[in-house]
Protein backbone atom coordinates (compact mmCIF):
# COMPACT_ATOMS: atom_id res chain seq x y z
CA MET A 1 22.59 -16.16 -27.42
CA LYS A 2 20.09 -17.31 -29.12
CA ARG A 3 18.80 -19.28 -25.90
CA LEU A 4 18.91 -16.85 -23.69
CA MET A 5 16.63 -14.27 -26.46
CA ILE A 6 13.99 -17.29 -26.95
CA LEU A 7 13.65 -17.63 -23.21
CA THR A 8 13.10 -14.01 -23.12
CA VAL A 9 11.10 -14.76 -25.95
CA LEU A 10 8.72 -16.31 -23.73
CA PHE A 11 9.05 -14.26 -21.11
CA LEU A 12 7.16 -11.47 -22.51
CA PHE A 13 4.70 -13.34 -23.97
CA HIS A 14 3.46 -15.57 -20.94
CA ALA A 15 3.52 -11.69 -19.51
CA THR A 16 1.78 -10.11 -21.79
CA LEU A 17 -0.90 -12.90 -21.67
CA ALA A 18 -0.73 -12.38 -17.34
CA SER A 19 -1.37 -8.83 -18.03
CA ALA A 20 -4.34 -9.25 -20.81
CA ALA A 21 -5.36 -11.11 -18.06
CA VAL A 22 -6.15 -8.73 -15.66
CA LYS A 23 -9.48 -6.16 -16.23
CA ALA A 24 -8.78 -2.94 -14.67
CA THR A 25 -11.73 -1.05 -14.06
CA GLU A 26 -12.41 2.93 -12.44
CA LEU A 27 -15.47 4.02 -10.76
CA ASP A 28 -16.60 6.44 -8.20
CA TYR A 29 -17.80 5.11 -4.23
CA ARG A 30 -18.68 7.91 -1.70
CA ALA A 31 -17.73 8.50 2.12
CA GLY A 32 -20.28 10.39 3.76
CA ASP A 33 -20.24 14.07 1.20
CA ALA A 34 -16.93 12.74 -0.40
CA THR A 35 -16.85 11.39 -4.24
CA LEU A 36 -14.30 8.88 -4.13
CA LYS A 37 -11.91 7.62 -7.08
CA GLY A 38 -11.72 3.56 -6.99
CA PHE A 39 -9.48 1.85 -9.62
CA PHE A 40 -10.48 -2.02 -9.46
CA ALA A 41 -7.47 -4.79 -10.89
CA TYR A 42 -8.27 -8.46 -11.16
CA ASP A 43 -7.56 -11.51 -13.34
CA GLU A 44 -10.79 -13.61 -14.80
CA SER A 45 -9.05 -15.58 -16.02
CA ILE A 46 -9.87 -16.96 -12.27
CA ASP A 47 -12.43 -18.58 -10.78
CA GLY A 48 -13.23 -18.42 -7.78
CA LYS A 49 -12.76 -15.65 -4.85
CA ARG A 50 -9.45 -14.82 -3.47
CA PRO A 51 -7.99 -12.13 -1.44
CA GLY A 52 -8.72 -8.58 -1.61
CA ILE A 53 -6.12 -6.29 -1.21
CA LEU A 54 -6.31 -2.42 -0.50
CA VAL A 55 -3.57 -0.19 -1.89
CA VAL A 56 -2.99 3.74 -0.73
CA HIS A 57 -1.56 6.05 -2.22
CA GLU A 58 2.07 8.17 -2.37
CA TRP A 59 1.17 11.70 -0.69
CA TRP A 60 1.58 12.75 -4.40
CA GLY A 61 -2.26 10.86 -4.56
CA HIS A 62 -5.08 8.79 -6.69
CA ASN A 63 -2.06 8.77 -9.44
CA GLU A 64 -1.02 5.79 -11.66
CA TYR A 65 1.33 4.92 -9.37
CA ALA A 66 -1.03 3.17 -6.37
CA ARG A 67 -3.07 1.89 -9.58
CA LYS A 68 0.77 0.59 -11.21
CA ARG A 69 0.57 -1.15 -7.70
CA ALA A 70 -3.60 -2.74 -7.58
CA ARG A 71 -2.71 -4.24 -11.04
CA MET A 72 0.96 -5.52 -10.18
CA LEU A 73 -1.52 -7.85 -7.28
CA ALA A 74 -4.25 -8.64 -9.27
CA GLU A 75 -1.05 -10.59 -11.67
CA LEU A 76 -0.27 -12.56 -8.05
CA GLY A 77 -3.77 -13.69 -7.75
CA TYR A 78 -5.41 -10.57 -5.80
CA THR A 79 -8.52 -8.38 -6.35
CA ALA A 80 -6.99 -4.87 -5.56
CA LEU A 81 -8.22 -1.39 -5.53
CA ALA A 82 -6.74 1.04 -5.48
CA VAL A 83 -8.48 4.07 -3.46
CA ASP A 84 -8.76 7.54 -2.86
CA MET A 85 -8.72 9.08 0.51
CA TYR A 86 -8.45 13.11 -0.71
CA GLY A 87 -11.90 12.80 -2.42
CA ASP A 88 -12.85 13.41 -5.98
CA GLY A 89 -9.30 11.01 -7.45
CA LYS A 90 -6.92 14.67 -6.58
CA PHE A 91 -3.57 14.71 -6.67
CA ALA A 92 -0.78 16.70 -5.10
CA GLY A 93 1.67 18.54 -7.80
CA HIS A 94 3.72 19.78 -5.51
CA PRO A 95 5.20 19.22 -2.01
CA ASP A 96 3.60 21.43 -0.11
CA ASP A 97 -0.25 20.98 -1.84
CA ALA A 98 0.73 16.93 -0.99
CA GLY A 99 2.27 17.91 2.53
CA LYS A 100 -1.72 19.91 2.68
CA PHE A 101 -3.68 17.18 1.98
CA ALA A 102 -1.50 14.31 3.59
CA GLY A 103 -1.61 16.14 7.30
CA GLU A 104 -5.85 17.07 7.35
CA LEU A 105 -6.65 13.56 7.31
CA ARG A 106 -3.64 13.01 9.83
CA LYS A 107 -5.49 15.16 11.75
CA ASN A 108 -8.69 13.97 11.46
CA LEU A 109 -8.70 10.51 12.05
CA PRO A 110 -12.00 9.56 11.36
CA LEU A 111 -12.69 10.91 9.36
CA ALA A 112 -9.24 9.13 7.17
CA LYS A 113 -11.21 5.71 8.86
CA ALA A 114 -14.35 6.78 7.41
CA ARG A 115 -12.74 6.84 3.88
CA PHE A 116 -11.03 3.47 4.39
CA ALA A 117 -13.92 1.91 5.33
CA ALA A 118 -15.96 2.59 2.93
CA ALA A 119 -13.53 1.73 0.40
CA LEU A 120 -13.24 -1.72 2.74
CA GLU A 121 -17.01 -2.42 2.16
CA LEU A 122 -16.72 -1.39 -2.17
CA LEU A 123 -13.51 -3.84 -1.78
CA THR A 124 -15.76 -7.22 -0.30
CA ALA A 125 -18.57 -6.46 -2.37
CA HIS A 126 -16.92 -7.44 -5.15
CA PRO A 127 -18.21 -10.62 -6.63
CA SER A 128 -14.34 -12.00 -6.99
CA VAL A 129 -12.88 -11.19 -3.10
CA ASP A 130 -13.30 -13.59 -0.62
CA ALA A 131 -14.42 -10.45 2.22
CA GLU A 132 -12.13 -12.89 4.79
CA LYS A 133 -9.11 -12.42 3.54
CA VAL A 134 -8.43 -8.55 3.28
CA ALA A 135 -4.82 -6.46 3.92
CA ALA A 136 -4.09 -3.71 3.13
CA ILE A 137 -0.79 -1.91 1.49
CA GLY A 138 0.55 1.11 1.87
CA TYR A 139 3.53 3.60 0.30
CA CYS A 140 4.75 6.80 2.61
CA PHE A 141 1.08 8.26 3.56
CA GLY A 142 -0.77 5.48 2.70
CA GLY A 143 2.16 3.45 4.43
CA GLY A 144 1.31 5.36 8.10
CA MET A 145 -2.49 5.42 7.00
CA VAL A 146 -2.94 1.72 7.07
CA LEU A 147 -0.80 1.13 9.78
CA GLU A 148 -3.61 3.82 11.32
CA MET A 149 -6.70 1.97 10.40
CA ALA A 150 -4.74 -1.63 11.73
CA ARG A 151 -4.34 0.41 15.37
CA ALA A 152 -8.06 1.97 14.97
CA GLY A 153 -8.77 -2.08 14.92
CA ILE A 154 -10.54 -2.59 11.67
CA ASP A 155 -10.47 -5.83 10.94
CA LEU A 156 -7.60 -6.58 8.32
CA GLN A 157 -5.83 -9.71 8.07
CA GLY A 158 -2.60 -7.77 7.72
CA VAL A 159 -1.44 -4.12 6.50
CA VAL A 160 1.60 -3.62 4.85
CA SER A 161 3.70 0.35 4.96
CA PHE A 162 6.10 0.47 2.40
CA HIS A 163 8.51 3.61 3.64
CA GLY A 164 5.59 4.68 5.16
CA SER A 165 5.29 6.62 8.80
CA LEU A 166 5.29 5.28 12.59
CA GLY A 167 4.41 7.79 14.38
CA THR A 168 0.85 8.51 14.98
CA SER A 169 -1.35 10.98 17.77
CA ALA A 170 -3.71 7.31 19.00
CA PRO A 171 -1.07 4.46 19.25
CA ALA A 172 -2.74 0.79 18.94
CA ARG A 173 -3.97 -0.65 22.48
CA PRO A 174 -3.55 -3.96 24.26
CA GLU A 175 -6.54 -6.50 22.23
CA THR A 176 -7.38 -4.16 19.76
CA VAL A 177 -5.26 -4.82 16.67
CA LYS A 178 -6.67 -6.80 14.09
CA ALA A 179 -4.41 -6.68 12.46
CA ARG A 180 -0.94 -8.91 11.47
CA VAL A 181 1.87 -5.98 10.95
CA LEU A 182 4.29 -5.37 8.24
CA VAL A 183 5.86 -2.47 7.68
CA LEU A 184 8.75 -2.71 5.07
CA ASN A 185 11.04 0.54 5.40
CA GLY A 186 14.47 2.21 4.67
CA ALA A 187 17.26 2.45 6.82
CA ASP A 188 18.81 5.77 5.21
CA ASP A 189 14.93 7.50 5.36
CA PRO A 190 15.77 10.48 7.15
CA PHE A 191 12.10 10.54 7.06
CA VAL A 192 11.93 7.78 9.42
CA THR A 193 13.96 8.25 12.97
CA ALA A 194 15.84 5.53 15.19
CA GLU A 195 14.03 7.22 18.13
CA GLN A 196 10.37 6.25 15.75
CA ILE A 197 11.85 3.57 14.85
CA ASP A 198 12.44 2.64 18.86
CA HIS A 199 8.76 3.98 19.54
CA PHE A 200 6.81 1.73 16.85
CA LYS A 201 8.28 -0.97 18.53
CA GLN A 202 7.98 -0.58 22.04
CA GLU A 203 4.00 1.18 20.85
CA MET A 204 3.36 -2.51 19.07
CA GLU A 205 4.82 -4.89 21.63
CA ALA A 206 3.14 -3.54 24.30
CA ALA A 207 0.03 -3.52 23.01
CA GLY A 208 0.45 -7.25 21.84
CA VAL A 209 0.78 -6.74 18.36
CA ASP A 210 1.41 -10.06 16.10
CA TYR A 211 5.11 -7.61 14.15
CA ASN A 212 7.22 -7.83 11.41
CA PHE A 213 10.17 -4.60 10.67
CA ILE A 214 12.45 -4.58 7.96
CA ASN A 215 14.91 -2.58 7.06
CA TYR A 216 16.54 -2.47 4.26
CA PRO A 217 20.50 -1.31 4.00
CA GLY A 218 21.59 2.33 1.73
CA ALA A 219 17.63 2.94 0.94
CA LYS A 220 16.19 6.23 1.38
CA HIS A 221 12.37 7.25 1.24
CA SER A 222 10.28 6.47 -1.86
CA PHE A 223 12.00 3.76 -2.30
CA THR A 224 9.76 1.54 -4.37
CA ASN A 225 9.02 4.80 -6.80
CA PRO A 226 10.72 4.90 -9.76
CA GLU A 227 10.02 7.84 -10.05
CA ALA A 228 11.84 8.47 -6.97
CA ASP A 229 14.96 10.44 -8.05
CA ALA A 230 13.13 12.65 -10.51
CA PHE A 231 10.69 14.15 -7.77
CA GLY A 232 13.81 14.49 -5.35
CA GLU A 233 15.58 15.97 -8.73
CA LYS A 234 12.64 17.95 -8.72
CA PHE A 235 12.27 19.25 -5.30
CA LYS A 236 15.72 18.52 -3.35
CA LEU A 237 14.34 16.05 -1.27
CA PRO A 238 16.15 12.77 -0.14
CA LEU A 239 13.71 10.52 -1.81
CA ALA A 240 15.34 7.84 -4.16
CA TYR A 241 14.78 4.03 -5.66
CA ASP A 242 16.84 1.34 -5.20
CA SER A 243 15.99 -1.78 -7.43
CA GLN A 244 17.10 -4.55 -4.94
CA ALA A 245 14.73 -3.12 -2.21
CA ASP A 246 11.84 -2.85 -4.08
CA ALA A 247 12.41 -6.18 -5.67
CA GLN A 248 13.37 -7.62 -1.54
CA SER A 249 9.99 -5.31 -0.42
CA TRP A 250 7.28 -6.75 -3.35
CA GLN A 251 8.85 -10.04 -1.99
CA ALA A 252 8.32 -10.51 1.69
CA MET A 253 4.38 -8.62 0.95
CA ARG A 254 4.50 -12.12 -1.09
CA ASP A 255 6.00 -14.37 1.65
CA PHE A 256 3.71 -11.60 4.16
CA PHE A 257 0.16 -13.02 2.40
CA ASP A 258 1.16 -16.61 1.64
CA VAL A 259 1.15 -16.75 5.68
CA ILE A 260 -1.92 -14.83 6.47
CA PHE A 261 -4.22 -15.90 3.88
CA LYS A 262 -2.95 -19.84 3.69
């Protein structure tokens, strides 16, 4: 028991040191007439340039969850930018508003692409970032959005979608997609049907995309977010956190980055 307590204290001590080295900065950037709210996180104790990762928020908007993931990426040695796709840092307090915000962008992919490109330019200009090694991850709405950016041919090494939507009005075309693609999906997510998965895989294969699709048995929508249960109960939505799928999907992302950035 004493040895376990010592190990726990040491783990917490090292975790505190790692967190202390992470610098987090809020800043505004622009895309057209819109002012967007960004959140940078990176480890100041690391010398030299490193890969940069864009983090695209859930349909709720640029909230603390997206920033948490940016900080976690910084602790892994990346420079992360939590982006703002809605503008003015706004986020929804109700699914009706979240659906409206997300729907407006999904119906206007040129606008979404412009806002994503503005964030990408901001990230690659950061002095800690190796502009030749950049990827994007996204959650729910953000997962679908990073897939759309890959389809559009944005110059990224890879994209990772966590419980994101798969449908699109602009399917991938041969020799257009530059990014490798990783999709991490809840097998019991009612928002992503078996038919949609089949169509997505057919689309990727027809376009010659280097992709991998992982289904986590028993996992539902929003399985990476510890607040999913509370949101689900409050709004009567089929959302649920799954700690095992959360950990496994995060490790799958890490392994993916090791491959694309080596």
